[in-house]
N, C-alpha and C. Protein backbone atom coordinates (compact mmCIF):
# COMPACT_ATOMS: atom_id res chain seq x y z
N MET A 1 86.36 78.33 117.87
CA MET A 1 86.76 79.43 117.37
C MET A 1 86.71 79.86 115.68
N ALA A 2 86.28 80.98 115.47
CA ALA A 2 86.11 81.29 114.06
C ALA A 2 87.51 81.24 113.20
N PHE A 3 87.64 81.05 111.92
CA PHE A 3 88.88 81.03 111.40
C PHE A 3 89.41 82.24 111.18
N TYR A 4 88.72 83.41 111.38
CA TYR A 4 89.54 84.68 111.44
C TYR A 4 89.97 84.84 112.76
N ASP A 5 89.50 84.34 113.69
CA ASP A 5 90.44 84.52 114.95
C ASP A 5 91.59 83.63 114.95
N ASP A 6 91.59 82.53 114.42
CA ASP A 6 92.45 81.56 114.41
C ASP A 6 93.61 82.32 113.45
N LEU A 7 93.29 82.75 112.34
CA LEU A 7 94.02 83.57 111.39
C LEU A 7 95.14 84.41 112.08
N LEU A 8 94.29 85.46 113.13
CA LEU A 8 94.88 86.26 113.78
C LEU A 8 96.03 85.80 114.94
N LYS A 9 95.53 84.85 115.30
CA LYS A 9 96.42 83.99 116.46
C LYS A 9 97.69 83.49 115.65
N ALA A 10 97.56 82.67 114.60
CA ALA A 10 98.61 82.11 114.02
C ALA A 10 99.59 83.09 113.31
N THR A 11 99.32 84.20 113.16
CA THR A 11 100.04 85.46 112.33
C THR A 11 100.58 86.55 113.46
N GLU A 12 100.39 86.23 114.80
CA GLU A 12 100.64 87.26 115.75
C GLU A 12 102.21 87.42 115.60
N ALA A 13 102.88 86.59 115.80
CA ALA A 13 104.39 86.84 116.10
C ALA A 13 104.76 87.60 114.90
N GLU A 14 104.25 87.32 113.69
CA GLU A 14 104.79 87.80 112.39
C GLU A 14 104.24 89.56 112.21
N ARG A 15 103.31 89.50 112.87
CA ARG A 15 102.61 90.83 112.89
C ARG A 15 103.44 91.93 113.83
N ASN A 16 103.64 91.27 114.84
CA ASN A 16 104.36 91.87 115.87
C ASN A 16 105.91 92.27 115.32
N ASP A 17 106.42 91.42 114.64
CA ASP A 17 107.76 91.56 114.20
C ASP A 17 107.63 93.07 113.06
N LEU A 18 106.62 92.87 112.46
CA LEU A 18 106.36 93.92 111.35
C LEU A 18 105.91 95.31 112.32
N LEU A 19 105.53 95.33 113.22
CA LEU A 19 104.93 96.44 113.94
C LEU A 19 106.21 97.02 114.87
N SER A 20 107.29 96.36 115.01
CA SER A 20 108.57 96.81 115.86
C SER A 20 109.56 97.05 115.05
N ILE A 21 109.47 97.29 113.57
CA ILE A 21 110.49 98.00 112.49
C ILE A 21 110.40 99.52 112.90
N PRO A 22 111.71 100.01 112.94
CA PRO A 22 111.74 101.34 113.55
C PRO A 22 111.23 102.55 112.76
N LEU A 23 111.15 102.32 111.54
CA LEU A 23 110.32 103.15 110.45
C LEU A 23 108.90 103.16 110.67
N ILE A 24 108.35 102.03 110.89
CA ILE A 24 107.08 102.17 111.41
C ILE A 24 106.68 102.68 112.73
N GLN A 25 107.46 102.59 113.66
CA GLN A 25 107.31 103.38 114.93
C GLN A 25 107.39 104.51 115.03
N LEU A 26 108.48 105.12 114.04
CA LEU A 26 108.82 106.67 114.05
C LEU A 26 107.55 107.38 113.14
N GLY A 27 107.00 106.51 112.24
CA GLY A 27 106.03 107.15 111.70
C GLY A 27 104.88 107.32 112.46
N ALA A 28 104.51 106.35 113.42
CA ALA A 28 103.37 106.31 114.22
C ALA A 28 103.63 107.43 115.22
N GLU A 29 104.69 108.00 115.54
CA GLU A 29 105.05 108.88 116.48
C GLU A 29 105.25 110.12 115.75
N GLY A 30 104.98 110.20 114.46
CA GLY A 30 105.08 111.55 113.66
C GLY A 30 106.74 112.10 113.67
N ARG A 31 107.54 111.18 113.70
CA ARG A 31 108.75 111.47 113.67
C ARG A 31 109.84 111.26 112.62
N LEU A 32 108.98 111.08 111.52
CA LEU A 32 109.60 110.83 109.97
C LEU A 32 109.88 111.92 109.44
N SER A 33 111.14 112.02 108.71
CA SER A 33 111.45 113.28 107.83
C SER A 33 110.45 113.17 106.57
N LEU A 34 110.37 114.18 105.94
CA LEU A 34 109.95 114.41 104.45
C LEU A 34 110.37 113.27 103.50
N GLU A 35 111.64 113.16 103.54
CA GLU A 35 112.36 112.11 102.66
C GLU A 35 111.85 110.72 103.03
N SER A 36 111.62 110.34 104.21
CA SER A 36 111.47 109.09 104.57
C SER A 36 109.78 108.92 104.41
N TYR A 37 109.26 109.76 104.31
CA TYR A 37 107.65 109.92 104.20
C TYR A 37 107.50 109.62 102.49
N LEU A 38 108.34 110.59 101.72
CA LEU A 38 107.96 110.20 100.12
C LEU A 38 108.60 108.92 99.75
N ALA A 39 109.77 108.62 100.58
CA ALA A 39 110.24 106.92 100.07
C ALA A 39 109.10 105.95 100.39
N PHE A 40 108.34 106.32 101.56
CA PHE A 40 107.46 105.28 101.77
C PHE A 40 106.15 105.37 100.62
N LEU A 41 105.79 106.41 100.30
CA LEU A 41 104.62 106.64 99.38
C LEU A 41 105.18 106.15 98.25
N GLY A 42 106.45 106.37 97.69
CA GLY A 42 107.04 105.61 96.60
C GLY A 42 106.83 104.31 96.46
N GLN A 43 107.08 103.44 97.29
CA GLN A 43 107.13 102.11 97.07
C GLN A 43 105.59 101.61 97.46
N ALA A 44 104.89 102.20 98.10
CA ALA A 44 103.21 102.19 98.07
C ALA A 44 102.77 102.03 96.65
N TYR A 45 103.15 103.07 96.04
CA TYR A 45 102.58 103.24 94.57
C TYR A 45 102.86 101.81 93.89
N HIS A 46 104.18 101.52 93.91
CA HIS A 46 104.89 100.35 93.19
C HIS A 46 104.00 99.08 93.57
N HIS A 47 103.50 98.79 94.86
CA HIS A 47 102.79 97.78 95.16
C HIS A 47 101.38 97.74 94.83
N VAL A 48 100.51 99.25 95.40
CA VAL A 48 99.17 99.42 95.10
C VAL A 48 98.71 99.20 93.90
N LYS A 49 99.70 99.76 92.87
CA LYS A 49 99.11 99.40 91.33
C LYS A 49 99.00 98.16 91.00
N HIS A 50 99.48 97.06 91.45
CA HIS A 50 99.17 95.73 91.26
C HIS A 50 97.61 95.09 92.02
N THR A 51 97.21 96.00 92.98
CA THR A 51 95.88 95.49 93.83
C THR A 51 94.90 95.03 92.69
N ILE A 52 94.70 95.98 91.70
CA ILE A 52 93.61 95.64 90.98
C ILE A 52 93.91 94.11 89.96
N PRO A 53 95.03 94.39 89.24
CA PRO A 53 95.33 92.92 88.61
C PRO A 53 95.39 91.80 89.45
N LEU A 54 96.04 92.08 90.79
CA LEU A 54 96.15 90.73 91.45
C LEU A 54 94.67 90.34 91.91
N LEU A 55 93.86 91.19 92.10
CA LEU A 55 92.20 90.90 92.44
C LEU A 55 91.55 90.13 91.40
N MET A 56 91.85 90.56 90.03
CA MET A 56 91.33 90.11 89.05
C MET A 56 91.71 88.69 88.61
N ALA A 57 93.19 88.61 88.89
CA ALA A 57 93.86 87.31 88.81
C ALA A 57 93.34 86.31 89.60
N THR A 58 93.03 86.72 91.06
CA THR A 58 92.34 85.65 92.11
C THR A 58 91.15 85.35 91.65
N GLY A 59 90.15 86.35 91.24
CA GLY A 59 88.85 86.09 90.92
C GLY A 59 88.84 85.14 89.83
N GLY A 60 89.71 85.33 88.72
CA GLY A 60 89.76 84.20 87.53
C GLY A 60 90.00 82.76 88.02
N ARG A 61 90.97 82.77 89.12
CA ARG A 61 91.50 81.41 89.33
C ARG A 61 90.68 80.61 90.21
N LEU A 62 89.70 81.24 91.10
CA LEU A 62 88.88 80.66 91.96
C LEU A 62 88.22 79.44 91.41
N PRO A 63 87.95 78.43 92.11
CA PRO A 63 86.99 77.31 91.66
C PRO A 63 85.49 77.72 91.87
N GLU A 64 84.62 76.90 91.22
CA GLU A 64 83.12 77.21 90.95
C GLU A 64 82.61 77.41 92.56
N ARG A 65 83.26 76.30 93.38
CA ARG A 65 82.73 76.31 94.80
C ARG A 65 82.87 77.55 95.49
N LEU A 66 83.68 78.48 95.21
CA LEU A 66 84.01 79.82 95.95
C LEU A 66 83.37 80.88 95.24
N GLU A 67 82.33 80.72 94.28
CA GLU A 67 81.63 81.71 93.59
C GLU A 67 81.49 82.95 94.52
N TRP A 68 80.89 82.74 95.64
CA TRP A 68 80.61 83.76 96.65
C TRP A 68 81.78 84.74 96.94
N LEU A 69 82.96 83.93 96.89
CA LEU A 69 84.16 84.81 97.12
C LEU A 69 84.65 85.69 95.74
N ARG A 70 84.34 85.18 94.80
CA ARG A 70 84.27 85.85 93.29
C ARG A 70 83.51 87.04 93.40
N VAL A 71 82.39 86.71 93.93
CA VAL A 71 81.42 88.10 93.73
C VAL A 71 82.00 89.24 95.10
N ALA A 72 82.66 88.55 95.90
CA ALA A 72 83.25 89.42 96.98
C ALA A 72 84.44 90.61 96.42
N ILE A 73 85.28 89.66 95.66
CA ILE A 73 86.42 90.21 94.86
C ILE A 73 85.85 91.42 93.93
N GLY A 74 84.78 91.31 93.41
CA GLY A 74 84.38 92.15 92.55
C GLY A 74 83.86 93.45 93.19
N GLU A 75 83.45 93.50 94.51
CA GLU A 75 83.07 94.42 95.56
C GLU A 75 84.52 95.19 95.80
N TYR A 76 85.79 94.48 95.97
CA TYR A 76 86.84 94.88 96.51
C TYR A 76 87.45 95.57 95.24
N ILE A 77 87.41 95.20 94.06
CA ILE A 77 87.77 95.72 93.11
C ILE A 77 87.28 97.18 92.72
N GLU A 78 85.92 97.36 93.10
CA GLU A 78 85.17 98.53 92.80
C GLU A 78 85.80 99.53 93.72
N GLU A 79 86.13 98.88 95.06
CA GLU A 79 86.52 99.90 96.15
C GLU A 79 88.18 100.39 96.10
N GLU A 80 88.87 99.43 95.43
CA GLU A 80 90.20 99.84 95.21
C GLU A 80 90.54 100.37 94.09
N MET A 81 89.77 100.79 93.33
CA MET A 81 89.86 101.36 91.89
C MET A 81 90.90 102.64 91.93
N GLY A 82 91.95 102.78 91.34
CA GLY A 82 92.55 104.08 91.33
C GLY A 82 93.21 104.55 92.41
N HIS A 83 93.33 103.87 93.42
CA HIS A 83 94.04 104.19 94.69
C HIS A 83 95.66 104.44 94.54
N GLN A 84 96.16 103.87 93.43
CA GLN A 84 97.61 104.21 93.28
C GLN A 84 97.66 105.79 92.73
N GLU A 85 96.54 106.21 92.14
CA GLU A 85 96.61 107.31 91.77
C GLU A 85 96.64 108.53 92.84
N TRP A 86 95.87 108.11 93.94
CA TRP A 86 95.71 109.00 95.24
C TRP A 86 97.21 108.97 95.75
N ILE A 87 97.98 107.92 95.72
CA ILE A 87 99.32 108.06 96.06
C ILE A 87 100.25 109.04 95.51
N LEU A 88 100.13 108.97 94.16
CA LEU A 88 100.83 109.85 93.17
C LEU A 88 100.47 111.43 93.77
N ASN A 89 99.28 111.45 93.97
CA ASN A 89 98.81 112.92 94.27
C ASN A 89 99.36 113.25 95.45
N ASP A 90 99.48 112.35 96.49
CA ASP A 90 99.82 112.69 97.70
C ASP A 90 101.34 113.20 97.50
N ILE A 91 102.16 112.63 96.81
CA ILE A 91 103.51 112.83 96.36
C ILE A 91 103.71 114.23 95.83
N GLU A 92 102.62 114.66 95.17
CA GLU A 92 102.78 115.87 94.51
C GLU A 92 102.51 116.87 95.53
N ALA A 93 101.51 116.46 96.32
CA ALA A 93 101.10 117.73 97.34
C ALA A 93 102.17 117.99 98.36
N CYS A 94 103.05 117.03 98.44
CA CYS A 94 104.28 117.17 99.08
C CYS A 94 105.44 117.84 98.47
N GLY A 95 105.16 118.33 97.12
CA GLY A 95 105.93 119.06 96.45
C GLY A 95 107.17 118.24 95.79
N ALA A 96 106.91 116.91 95.63
CA ALA A 96 107.96 116.10 94.85
C ALA A 96 107.22 115.67 93.31
N ASP A 97 108.18 115.14 92.61
CA ASP A 97 107.64 114.72 91.24
C ASP A 97 106.93 113.40 91.06
N LYS A 98 105.91 113.41 90.77
CA LYS A 98 105.05 112.25 90.70
C LYS A 98 105.14 111.30 89.72
N GLU A 99 105.48 112.25 88.58
CA GLU A 99 105.91 111.22 87.41
C GLU A 99 107.14 110.55 87.41
N ALA A 100 107.89 111.05 88.17
CA ALA A 100 109.31 110.36 88.31
C ALA A 100 109.07 109.20 89.05
N VAL A 101 108.27 109.18 90.18
CA VAL A 101 107.88 108.11 91.01
C VAL A 101 107.35 107.01 90.04
N ARG A 102 105.94 107.43 89.25
CA ARG A 102 105.43 106.63 88.34
C ARG A 102 106.46 105.82 87.58
N HIS A 103 107.26 106.52 86.89
CA HIS A 103 108.35 105.67 85.96
C HIS A 103 109.71 105.04 86.61
N ALA A 104 109.63 105.24 87.95
CA ALA A 104 110.92 104.61 88.54
C ALA A 104 110.61 103.12 88.93
N MET A 105 111.86 102.56 88.89
CA MET A 105 111.75 100.98 89.38
C MET A 105 111.56 101.10 90.99
N PRO A 106 110.78 99.89 91.19
CA PRO A 106 110.64 99.66 92.64
C PRO A 106 111.86 99.17 93.26
N LEU A 107 111.88 99.23 94.67
CA LEU A 107 112.95 98.37 95.40
C LEU A 107 112.93 96.83 95.09
N PRO A 108 114.08 96.46 95.24
CA PRO A 108 113.99 94.84 95.07
C PRO A 108 113.17 94.25 96.15
N ALA A 109 112.79 94.85 97.51
CA ALA A 109 111.90 94.29 98.42
C ALA A 109 110.54 94.35 97.87
N THR A 110 110.05 95.68 97.16
CA THR A 110 108.76 95.79 96.86
C THR A 110 108.47 94.82 95.62
N GLU A 111 109.65 94.54 94.73
CA GLU A 111 109.33 93.87 93.65
C GLU A 111 109.07 92.23 94.07
N LEU A 112 109.73 91.86 95.25
CA LEU A 112 109.73 90.68 95.53
C LEU A 112 108.43 90.39 96.20
N MET A 113 107.93 91.40 96.96
CA MET A 113 106.63 91.12 97.75
C MET A 113 105.62 91.08 96.47
N VAL A 114 105.44 91.99 95.53
CA VAL A 114 104.60 91.65 94.46
C VAL A 114 104.74 90.55 93.86
N SER A 115 105.95 89.98 93.34
CA SER A 115 106.26 88.97 92.56
C SER A 115 105.60 87.72 93.45
N TYR A 116 105.84 87.69 94.90
CA TYR A 116 105.19 86.60 95.70
C TYR A 116 103.75 86.53 95.57
N ALA A 117 103.19 87.60 95.63
CA ALA A 117 101.58 87.62 95.50
C ALA A 117 101.22 86.88 94.35
N TYR A 118 101.91 87.49 93.16
CA TYR A 118 101.27 86.76 91.87
C TYR A 118 101.72 85.12 91.70
N ASP A 119 102.74 84.98 92.41
CA ASP A 119 102.98 83.38 92.67
C ASP A 119 102.19 82.75 93.51
N THR A 120 101.67 83.21 94.50
CA THR A 120 100.63 82.59 95.27
C THR A 120 99.26 82.53 94.48
N VAL A 121 99.04 83.37 93.68
CA VAL A 121 97.63 83.33 92.57
C VAL A 121 97.90 82.18 91.86
N TYR A 122 99.15 82.24 90.87
CA TYR A 122 99.08 81.23 89.86
C TYR A 122 99.76 79.97 90.16
N ARG A 123 100.52 79.78 91.08
CA ARG A 123 101.29 78.65 91.39
C ARG A 123 100.83 78.06 92.56
N ASN A 124 100.34 78.52 93.40
CA ASN A 124 99.65 78.06 94.89
C ASN A 124 98.21 78.16 94.62
N ASN A 125 97.45 78.07 95.81
CA ASN A 125 95.92 78.60 95.82
C ASN A 125 95.78 79.88 95.92
N PRO A 126 94.94 80.00 95.00
CA PRO A 126 94.57 81.51 94.86
C PRO A 126 93.94 82.34 96.05
N VAL A 127 93.14 81.45 97.03
CA VAL A 127 92.64 81.89 98.09
C VAL A 127 93.92 82.30 99.02
N GLY A 128 94.95 82.00 98.86
CA GLY A 128 95.91 82.54 99.70
C GLY A 128 96.32 83.84 99.53
N PHE A 129 95.73 84.56 98.29
CA PHE A 129 96.11 85.86 98.07
C PHE A 129 95.27 86.63 99.53
N PHE A 130 94.42 86.29 100.11
CA PHE A 130 93.60 86.83 101.28
C PHE A 130 94.64 87.03 102.36
N GLY A 131 95.68 86.36 102.37
CA GLY A 131 96.84 86.47 103.51
C GLY A 131 97.25 88.06 103.20
N MET A 132 97.58 88.24 101.86
CA MET A 132 98.08 89.88 101.62
C MET A 132 97.09 90.76 102.02
N VAL A 133 95.96 90.37 101.78
CA VAL A 133 94.81 91.58 102.17
C VAL A 133 94.89 91.79 103.54
N LEU A 134 95.13 90.70 104.30
CA LEU A 134 94.93 90.79 105.71
C LEU A 134 96.31 91.72 106.26
N VAL A 135 97.46 91.55 105.88
CA VAL A 135 98.60 92.23 106.11
C VAL A 135 98.53 93.69 105.74
N LEU A 136 97.98 93.95 104.50
CA LEU A 136 97.87 95.44 104.08
C LEU A 136 96.78 96.20 104.87
N GLU A 137 95.65 95.65 104.84
CA GLU A 137 94.40 96.38 105.26
C GLU A 137 94.54 96.52 106.83
N GLY A 138 95.00 95.17 107.36
CA GLY A 138 94.89 95.28 108.91
C GLY A 138 96.08 96.19 109.61
N THR A 139 97.20 96.13 108.93
CA THR A 139 98.33 97.17 109.30
C THR A 139 97.82 98.47 109.20
N SER A 140 97.19 98.94 108.16
CA SER A 140 96.73 100.12 107.87
C SER A 140 95.54 100.67 108.91
N VAL A 141 94.88 99.92 109.27
CA VAL A 141 93.73 100.38 109.82
C VAL A 141 94.38 100.77 111.28
N SER A 142 95.45 99.87 111.68
CA SER A 142 95.88 100.05 113.18
C SER A 142 96.68 101.13 113.18
N LEU A 143 97.52 101.52 112.02
CA LEU A 143 98.29 102.52 112.13
C LEU A 143 98.24 103.87 111.31
N ALA A 144 97.51 103.77 110.30
CA ALA A 144 97.58 104.79 109.23
C ALA A 144 97.12 106.06 109.64
N THR A 145 95.79 106.11 110.07
CA THR A 145 95.26 107.57 110.58
C THR A 145 96.01 108.17 111.52
N HIS A 146 96.35 107.62 112.66
CA HIS A 146 97.26 108.04 113.52
C HIS A 146 98.43 108.62 113.24
N ALA A 147 99.26 107.83 112.30
CA ALA A 147 100.39 108.13 111.59
C ALA A 147 100.13 109.28 110.56
N ALA A 148 99.19 109.40 110.02
CA ALA A 148 99.00 110.57 109.07
C ALA A 148 98.79 111.68 109.78
N ALA A 149 98.10 112.19 110.95
CA ALA A 149 97.85 113.11 111.90
C ALA A 149 99.18 113.32 112.06
N ASN A 150 99.90 112.75 112.85
CA ASN A 150 101.33 112.94 113.59
C ASN A 150 102.23 113.63 112.44
N ILE A 151 102.52 112.75 111.43
CA ILE A 151 103.46 113.17 110.46
C ILE A 151 102.90 114.49 109.75
N GLN A 152 101.64 114.76 109.48
CA GLN A 152 101.10 115.98 108.99
C GLN A 152 101.56 117.04 109.77
N GLN A 153 101.32 116.91 111.22
CA GLN A 153 101.55 118.09 112.07
C GLN A 153 103.13 118.45 112.14
N ALA A 154 103.86 117.31 112.17
CA ALA A 154 105.42 117.50 112.31
C ALA A 154 106.04 118.15 111.17
N LEU A 155 105.45 117.65 109.89
CA LEU A 155 106.06 118.30 108.63
C LEU A 155 105.43 119.61 107.92
N ASN A 156 104.24 119.84 108.91
CA ASN A 156 103.24 121.06 108.30
C ASN A 156 102.98 120.87 106.85
N LEU A 157 102.61 119.71 106.53
CA LEU A 157 101.95 119.39 104.89
C LEU A 157 100.68 119.52 105.10
N PRO A 158 100.08 119.59 103.78
CA PRO A 158 98.64 119.74 103.64
C PRO A 158 97.79 118.77 103.87
N LYS A 159 96.47 118.61 104.01
CA LYS A 159 95.74 117.30 104.22
C LYS A 159 95.89 116.55 103.06
N ALA A 160 95.93 117.33 101.78
CA ALA A 160 95.89 116.67 100.37
C ALA A 160 97.15 115.77 100.45
N ALA A 161 98.22 115.91 101.25
CA ALA A 161 99.27 114.90 101.18
C ALA A 161 99.20 113.54 101.83
N PHE A 162 97.87 113.11 102.36
CA PHE A 162 97.67 112.09 103.21
C PHE A 162 96.42 111.35 102.84
N SER A 163 95.97 111.50 101.44
CA SER A 163 94.62 110.87 100.97
C SER A 163 94.78 109.26 101.36
N TYR A 164 96.22 108.81 100.97
CA TYR A 164 96.29 107.51 100.90
C TYR A 164 96.25 106.88 102.24
N LEU A 165 97.06 107.44 103.11
CA LEU A 165 96.98 106.87 104.80
C LEU A 165 95.60 107.05 105.27
N ASN A 166 95.05 108.25 105.01
CA ASN A 166 93.85 108.38 105.72
C ASN A 166 92.64 107.56 105.03
N SER A 167 92.54 107.19 103.82
CA SER A 167 91.68 106.35 103.27
C SER A 167 91.75 104.68 103.87
N HIS A 168 93.14 104.35 104.24
CA HIS A 168 93.43 103.09 104.57
C HIS A 168 93.53 103.10 106.18
N GLY A 169 93.17 104.18 106.73
CA GLY A 169 93.03 104.09 108.27
C GLY A 169 91.78 103.87 108.91
N SER A 170 91.35 104.55 109.81
CA SER A 170 89.99 104.22 110.48
C SER A 170 88.78 104.33 109.73
N LEU A 171 88.92 105.04 108.77
CA LEU A 171 87.87 105.23 107.48
C LEU A 171 87.64 103.67 106.95
N ASP A 172 88.52 102.91 106.81
CA ASP A 172 88.61 101.44 106.47
C ASP A 172 88.29 100.44 107.27
N VAL A 173 87.63 100.76 108.47
CA VAL A 173 87.34 99.53 109.23
C VAL A 173 86.37 98.61 108.53
N GLY A 174 85.60 99.31 107.93
CA GLY A 174 84.60 98.49 107.13
C GLY A 174 84.93 97.36 106.47
N HIS A 175 86.08 97.75 105.77
CA HIS A 175 86.77 96.77 104.93
C HIS A 175 87.21 95.20 105.83
N VAL A 176 87.69 95.90 106.98
CA VAL A 176 88.07 94.62 107.76
C VAL A 176 87.09 93.71 108.29
N ASP A 177 85.79 94.51 108.72
CA ASP A 177 84.56 93.62 109.10
C ASP A 177 84.34 92.82 108.10
N PHE A 178 84.37 93.30 106.90
CA PHE A 178 83.98 92.61 105.55
C PHE A 178 84.85 91.33 105.30
N TYR A 179 86.07 91.76 105.61
CA TYR A 179 87.16 90.56 105.43
C TYR A 179 86.86 89.38 106.42
N GLU A 180 86.70 89.82 107.46
CA GLU A 180 86.34 88.91 108.56
C GLU A 180 85.30 87.83 108.30
N LYS A 181 84.16 88.47 107.69
CA LYS A 181 82.92 87.77 107.51
C LYS A 181 83.40 86.79 106.08
N LEU A 182 84.26 87.09 105.17
CA LEU A 182 84.53 86.27 104.14
C LEU A 182 85.42 85.28 104.51
N MET A 183 86.45 85.44 105.49
CA MET A 183 87.38 84.33 106.00
C MET A 183 86.73 83.41 106.78
N ASN A 184 85.67 83.81 107.79
CA ASN A 184 84.88 82.72 108.52
C ASN A 184 83.94 82.02 107.46
N ARG A 185 83.84 82.31 106.33
CA ARG A 185 83.06 81.53 105.61
C ARG A 185 83.95 80.08 104.72
N LEU A 186 85.34 80.23 104.91
CA LEU A 186 86.08 79.33 104.38
C LEU A 186 86.06 78.03 105.01
N GLU A 187 85.61 77.00 104.35
CA GLU A 187 85.39 75.89 104.83
C GLU A 187 86.42 74.64 105.02
N LEU A 188 87.29 74.67 103.86
CA LEU A 188 88.27 73.72 103.35
C LEU A 188 89.28 73.93 104.27
N GLU A 189 90.18 73.16 104.85
CA GLU A 189 91.24 73.58 105.66
C GLU A 189 92.66 73.94 104.65
N GLU A 190 92.47 73.47 103.47
CA GLU A 190 93.48 73.75 102.67
C GLU A 190 93.52 75.19 102.17
N ASP A 191 92.30 75.82 102.03
CA ASP A 191 92.09 77.26 101.92
C ASP A 191 92.52 77.96 102.95
N ARG A 192 92.24 77.54 104.09
CA ARG A 192 92.52 78.23 105.20
C ARG A 192 94.08 78.29 105.66
N GLN A 193 94.84 77.09 105.28
CA GLN A 193 96.19 77.40 105.54
C GLN A 193 96.85 77.91 104.56
N ALA A 194 96.24 78.00 103.43
CA ALA A 194 97.03 78.91 102.23
C ALA A 194 96.70 80.29 102.58
N VAL A 195 95.75 80.85 103.19
CA VAL A 195 95.74 82.04 103.56
C VAL A 195 96.88 82.38 104.57
N ILE A 196 96.92 81.55 105.96
CA ILE A 196 97.76 81.60 106.84
C ILE A 196 99.09 81.84 106.48
N HIS A 197 99.50 81.04 105.43
CA HIS A 197 100.74 80.85 104.88
C HIS A 197 101.35 82.30 104.34
N CYS A 198 100.57 82.65 103.41
CA CYS A 198 100.72 83.81 102.61
C CYS A 198 100.84 84.86 103.59
N ALA A 199 100.01 84.94 104.60
CA ALA A 199 99.81 86.24 105.51
C ALA A 199 101.20 86.07 106.08
N ARG A 200 101.74 85.17 106.73
CA ARG A 200 102.97 84.98 107.23
C ARG A 200 104.28 85.57 106.34
N MET A 201 104.18 84.96 105.05
CA MET A 201 105.12 85.45 104.22
C MET A 201 105.24 87.06 104.01
N MET A 202 103.71 87.36 103.97
CA MET A 202 103.48 88.95 103.50
C MET A 202 104.13 89.71 104.80
N TYR A 203 103.82 89.41 105.76
CA TYR A 203 104.23 90.12 106.90
C TYR A 203 105.98 90.27 106.80
N ARG A 204 106.53 89.25 106.54
CA ARG A 204 107.85 89.32 106.24
C ARG A 204 108.30 90.04 105.34
N LEU A 205 107.65 89.76 104.09
CA LEU A 205 107.90 90.76 102.66
C LEU A 205 107.72 92.08 102.76
N TYR A 206 106.49 92.41 103.22
CA TYR A 206 106.05 93.80 103.57
C TYR A 206 107.10 94.51 104.69
N GLY A 207 107.70 93.90 105.50
CA GLY A 207 108.43 94.38 106.57
C GLY A 207 109.71 94.73 105.70
N ASP A 208 110.19 94.01 105.00
CA ASP A 208 111.48 93.92 104.23
C ASP A 208 111.50 95.42 103.59
N ILE A 209 110.21 95.76 102.88
CA ILE A 209 110.03 96.95 102.37
C ILE A 209 110.42 98.18 103.21
N PHE A 210 109.73 98.21 104.38
CA PHE A 210 110.07 99.16 105.45
C PHE A 210 111.53 99.31 105.90
N ARG A 211 111.97 97.83 105.96
CA ARG A 211 113.23 97.74 106.41
C ARG A 211 114.29 98.62 105.32
N SER A 212 113.90 98.56 104.00
CA SER A 212 114.55 98.88 102.92
C SER A 212 114.58 100.46 102.85
N LEU A 213 113.72 101.19 103.41
CA LEU A 213 113.58 102.53 103.41
C LEU A 213 114.48 103.48 104.25
N PRO A 214 114.86 104.61 103.60
CA PRO A 214 115.94 105.52 104.60
C PRO A 214 115.16 106.04 105.78
N VAL A 215 115.70 105.66 106.86
CA VAL A 215 115.05 106.05 108.41
C VAL A 215 115.79 107.35 108.57
N ILE A 216 115.31 108.60 108.08
CA ILE A 216 115.68 109.87 108.67
C ILE A 216 114.49 110.30 109.74
N GLN A 217 114.98 110.42 110.74
CA GLN A 217 114.00 110.82 112.08
C GLN A 217 114.28 112.32 112.27
N LEU A 218 112.86 112.98 112.65
CA LEU A 218 112.81 114.09 113.25
C LEU A 218 113.07 114.27 114.67
N GLU A 219 113.75 115.16 115.14
CA GLU A 219 113.81 115.21 116.73
C GLU A 219 112.81 115.79 117.55
N LYS A 220 112.52 115.20 118.59
CA LYS A 220 111.17 115.49 119.19
C LYS A 220 111.24 117.00 119.79
């Protein structure tokens, strides 16, 4: 079995726990209030703005034997550049103050997830950071486009309010294919286990962000 398949199997329980969170289920059904959607976007900004610094840190910490992975990180950086500004623009399109979000403090759950990502890179095996990539990109592809369409219809918001979700949904399937090929090239068991461990932790930490958000649902 290829490592990517092992990774999905090893983290299946944690992924299912994440997908069972009420706010995620309500979002997929298009039953979230504007307040809940804006709260989600606000916390997304505060972790997405660390994507480029984390990728750069990971690339800088990789050993020479993983030069091919460092090259791939360069491609990731190019693809992810500026996505945090897309989120702020979505917030503005919803009629909210994007600058207030930019300068706000993140929720503790968001700060803890980001801190753990840096800890993985600097204290543990930097390859483990790809466990976070699995959680964020894999979850997005399975839910984001569907949720965006349903929330947009329910709240009668412009398409401009969903650039972040739409960009990380079905349009991002190519990223997952790219990720799968990278993970299948990992040869050392210590690298593979680092990815699995980080992914398991990130499913829990990312889930805690959703558990911290206000769940205000629309009636059917």
